[in-house]
């Protein structure tokens, strides 16, 4: 407290001296004194400035808190910003999900139409592979059935009988009583 009183007294003395110096200069001008202006005195640091000193880090004052109204406004703004960002993120996720569902529906529709086309093609292939159609087409082209059929065996012998039946244990020739499905299954085309 003594330092405060001392600095206040010094300021007061400095202010009185400055006023007195100006008053003396004005009165000398009025009296007809030569036109000289007294140099202004610069105030000394001790007379006008408060005493300053370095402050240690632990002596620093805490930062003043913002007023409650400012804190509320900032909190409301931050909350609004967070909610807005959350809504935008939710909207973006919803849009992506909807687009993905449209794409999935389109792909499923394409797959269904491809399956239908595949089934139609299988039916057409089965119709074209039918032995009755092959025989009819051969007759239409002018082909005739041969009077005798000869089969070649891997050992080089030929026979006029039916080919050997692999399903029979002795490898003997099968009769003509086999159905087309049985023959086809032995040929590896068992579809």
Protein backbone atom coordinates (compact mmCIF):
# COMPACT_ATOMS: atom_id res chain seq x y z
CA UNK A 1 0.00 0.00 0.00
CA UNK A 2 2.94 2.32 0.64
CA UNK A 3 4.07 1.83 -2.96
CA UNK A 4 0.65 2.92 -4.20
CA UNK A 5 0.64 6.05 -2.05
CA UNK A 6 4.14 6.94 -3.18
CA UNK A 7 3.30 6.57 -6.86
CA UNK A 8 0.11 8.65 -6.41
CA UNK A 9 2.10 11.42 -4.72
CA UNK A 10 4.69 11.42 -7.48
CA UNK A 11 2.01 11.71 -10.15
CA UNK A 12 0.38 14.59 -8.34
CA UNK A 13 3.65 16.47 -8.02
CA UNK A 14 4.43 15.91 -11.68
CA UNK A 15 1.01 17.18 -12.72
CA UNK A 16 1.31 20.34 -10.57
CA UNK A 17 4.74 21.08 -12.02
CA UNK A 18 3.47 20.71 -15.56
CA UNK A 19 0.53 23.09 -14.90
CA UNK A 20 2.79 25.62 -13.22
CA UNK A 21 5.23 25.55 -16.13
CA UNK A 22 2.46 26.21 -18.65
CA UNK A 23 1.02 29.04 -16.56
CA UNK A 24 4.42 30.72 -16.32
CA UNK A 25 4.91 30.46 -20.09
CA UNK A 26 1.51 32.02 -20.74
CA UNK A 27 2.08 34.94 -18.35
CA UNK A 28 5.47 35.73 -19.90
CA UNK A 29 3.88 35.86 -23.34
CA UNK A 30 1.24 38.30 -22.10
CA UNK A 31 3.80 40.57 -20.46
CA UNK A 32 5.54 41.21 -23.75
CA UNK A 33 8.49 39.01 -23.15
CA UNK A 34 10.30 37.87 -26.19
CA UNK A 35 8.56 35.10 -27.97
CA UNK A 36 10.36 32.19 -26.40
CA UNK A 37 8.72 28.95 -25.59
CA UNK A 38 10.12 26.98 -22.79
CA UNK A 39 10.96 23.47 -23.75
CA UNK A 40 8.39 21.04 -22.53
CA UNK A 41 9.59 18.82 -19.84
CA UNK A 42 9.25 15.19 -20.46
CA UNK A 43 7.67 13.42 -17.63
CA UNK A 44 9.98 11.09 -15.86
CA UNK A 45 8.96 7.50 -15.74
CA UNK A 46 8.76 7.60 -11.97
CA UNK A 47 6.35 10.52 -11.92
CA UNK A 48 3.62 9.29 -14.31
CA UNK A 49 3.99 5.56 -14.92
CA UNK A 50 2.98 3.04 -12.32
CA UNK A 51 5.70 0.86 -11.00
CA UNK A 52 5.98 -2.30 -13.11
CA UNK A 53 7.73 -5.48 -12.23
CA UNK A 54 8.16 -8.94 -13.72
CA UNK A 55 5.61 -11.46 -12.54
CA UNK A 56 6.49 -15.06 -11.88
CA UNK A 57 4.37 -17.71 -13.65
CA UNK A 58 2.75 -18.82 -10.40
CA UNK A 59 1.72 -15.21 -9.59
CA UNK A 60 -0.22 -14.67 -12.81
CA UNK A 61 -3.90 -14.05 -12.48
CA UNK A 62 -6.21 -16.63 -14.01
CA UNK A 63 -7.81 -15.74 -17.28
CA UNK A 64 -11.11 -14.02 -16.62
CA UNK A 65 -14.08 -16.25 -17.34
CA UNK A 66 -16.50 -15.31 -20.07
CA UNK A 67 -19.81 -14.02 -18.87
CA UNK A 68 -22.53 -16.63 -18.46
CA UNK A 69 -24.57 -15.27 -21.37
CA UNK A 70 -21.62 -15.62 -23.78
CA UNK A 71 -20.99 -19.15 -22.56
CA UNK A 72 -24.64 -20.05 -23.11
CA UNK A 73 -24.60 -18.62 -26.64
CA UNK A 74 -21.44 -20.52 -27.50
CA UNK A 75 -22.88 -23.74 -26.02
CA UNK A 76 -26.12 -23.32 -27.99
CA UNK A 77 -24.20 -22.62 -31.19
CA UNK A 78 -21.98 -25.68 -30.67
CA UNK A 79 -25.01 -27.86 -29.89
CA UNK A 80 -26.81 -26.61 -32.99
CA UNK A 81 -23.73 -27.24 -35.12
CA UNK A 82 -23.37 -30.80 -33.77
CA UNK A 83 -27.06 -31.53 -34.38
CA UNK A 84 -26.87 -30.11 -37.90
CA UNK A 85 -23.81 -32.21 -38.72
CA UNK A 86 -25.54 -35.28 -37.30
CA UNK A 87 -28.62 -34.68 -39.46
CA UNK A 88 -26.50 -34.18 -42.57
CA UNK A 89 -24.57 -37.38 -41.83
CA UNK A 90 -27.85 -39.26 -41.27
CA UNK A 91 -29.21 -37.92 -44.55
CA UNK A 92 -26.06 -38.95 -46.42
CA UNK A 93 -26.23 -42.47 -44.97
CA UNK A 94 -29.91 -42.72 -45.89
CA UNK A 95 -29.22 -41.59 -49.47
CA UNK A 96 -26.41 -44.14 -49.82
CA UNK A 97 -28.64 -46.92 -48.45
CA UNK A 98 -31.46 -46.01 -50.83
CA UNK A 99 -29.11 -45.92 -53.82
CA UNK A 100 -27.68 -49.29 -52.81
CA UNK A 101 -31.20 -50.74 -52.56
CA UNK A 102 -32.09 -49.45 -56.04
CA UNK A 103 -28.91 -51.01 -57.41
CA UNK A 104 -29.64 -54.30 -55.64
CA UNK A 105 -33.20 -54.35 -57.03
CA UNK A 106 -31.90 -53.69 -60.54
CA UNK A 107 -29.31 -56.47 -60.23
CA UNK A 108 -31.91 -58.92 -58.93
CA UNK A 109 -34.22 -58.04 -61.82
CA UNK A 110 -31.37 -58.57 -64.28
CA UNK A 111 -30.48 -61.92 -62.68
CA UNK A 112 -34.11 -63.06 -62.87
CA UNK A 113 -34.39 -62.13 -66.55
CA UNK A 114 -31.08 -63.89 -67.29
CA UNK A 115 -32.31 -67.04 -65.50
CA UNK A 116 -35.49 -67.04 -67.57
CA UNK A 117 -33.48 -66.63 -70.78
CA UNK A 118 -31.12 -69.43 -69.68
CA UNK A 119 -34.05 -71.78 -69.02
CA UNK A 120 -35.54 -70.99 -72.44
CA UNK A 121 -32.19 -71.74 -74.09
CA UNK A 122 -31.91 -75.07 -72.21
CA UNK A 123 -35.36 -76.08 -73.43
CA UNK A 124 -34.37 -75.12 -76.99
CA UNK A 125 -31.13 -77.14 -76.77
CA UNK A 126 -33.05 -80.16 -75.42
CA UNK A 127 -35.56 -79.85 -78.28
CA UNK A 128 -32.75 -79.64 -80.86
CA UNK A 129 -30.90 -82.63 -79.32
CA UNK A 130 -33.96 -84.93 -79.41
CA UNK A 131 -33.26 -88.05 -81.51
CA UNK A 132 -36.62 -87.78 -83.28
CA UNK A 133 -35.73 -84.30 -84.51
CA UNK A 134 -32.25 -85.41 -85.61
CA UNK A 135 -33.71 -88.34 -87.59
CA UNK A 136 -36.40 -86.11 -89.12
CA UNK A 137 -33.84 -83.49 -90.10
CA UNK A 138 -31.58 -86.17 -91.64
CA UNK A 139 -34.49 -87.53 -93.72
CA UNK A 140 -35.39 -84.00 -94.81
CA UNK A 141 -31.81 -83.54 -96.05
CA UNK A 142 -32.09 -86.80 -98.06
CA UNK A 143 -30.11 -89.09 -95.77
CA UNK A 144 -31.11 -92.74 -95.44
CA UNK A 145 -30.48 -95.33 -92.76
CA UNK A 146 -27.61 -97.69 -93.60
CA UNK A 147 -28.47 -101.36 -94.19
CA UNK A 148 -25.81 -102.49 -91.73
CA UNK A 149 -23.96 -100.75 -88.88
CA UNK A 150 -20.37 -101.66 -88.12
CA UNK A 151 -18.71 -100.76 -84.85
CA UNK A 152 -14.98 -100.41 -84.34
CA UNK A 153 -13.42 -101.67 -81.13
CA UNK A 154 -10.20 -100.24 -79.68
CA UNK A 155 -8.41 -103.55 -80.25
CA UNK A 156 -8.94 -103.15 -84.04
CA UNK A 157 -11.71 -105.72 -84.52
CA UNK A 158 -14.98 -104.85 -86.19
CA UNK A 159 -18.41 -106.24 -85.47
CA UNK A 160 -21.81 -105.84 -87.02
CA UNK A 161 -23.58 -106.04 -83.72
CA UNK A 162 -24.36 -103.29 -81.20
CA UNK A 163 -21.47 -101.65 -79.33
CA UNK A 164 -20.39 -103.18 -76.01
CA UNK A 165 -22.33 -101.91 -73.01
CA UNK A 166 -19.95 -100.55 -70.36
CA UNK A 167 -22.54 -101.02 -67.65
CA UNK A 168 -22.56 -104.77 -68.17
CA UNK A 169 -19.84 -106.55 -66.15
CA UNK A 170 -18.58 -108.75 -68.97
CA UNK A 171 -18.54 -105.90 -71.54
CA UNK A 172 -20.90 -107.80 -73.79
CA UNK A 173 -22.91 -106.02 -76.42
CA UNK A 174 -26.22 -104.68 -75.34
CA UNK A 175 -29.37 -105.31 -77.26
CA UNK A 176 -31.41 -102.70 -79.02
CA UNK A 177 -33.78 -102.53 -76.07
CA UNK A 178 -31.83 -99.79 -74.32
CA UNK A 179 -33.58 -96.47 -74.06
CA UNK A 180 -32.07 -93.23 -75.23
CA UNK A 181 -31.63 -91.98 -71.65
CA UNK A 182 -29.56 -95.04 -70.76
CA UNK A 183 -27.32 -94.58 -73.80
CA UNK A 184 -26.98 -90.88 -73.17
CA UNK A 185 -25.92 -91.44 -69.56
CA UNK A 186 -23.11 -93.74 -70.77
CA UNK A 187 -21.93 -91.13 -73.23
CA UNK A 188 -21.37 -88.59 -70.47
CA UNK A 189 -24.17 -86.27 -71.45
CA UNK A 190 -26.50 -87.20 -68.60
CA UNK A 191 -28.20 -83.86 -68.16
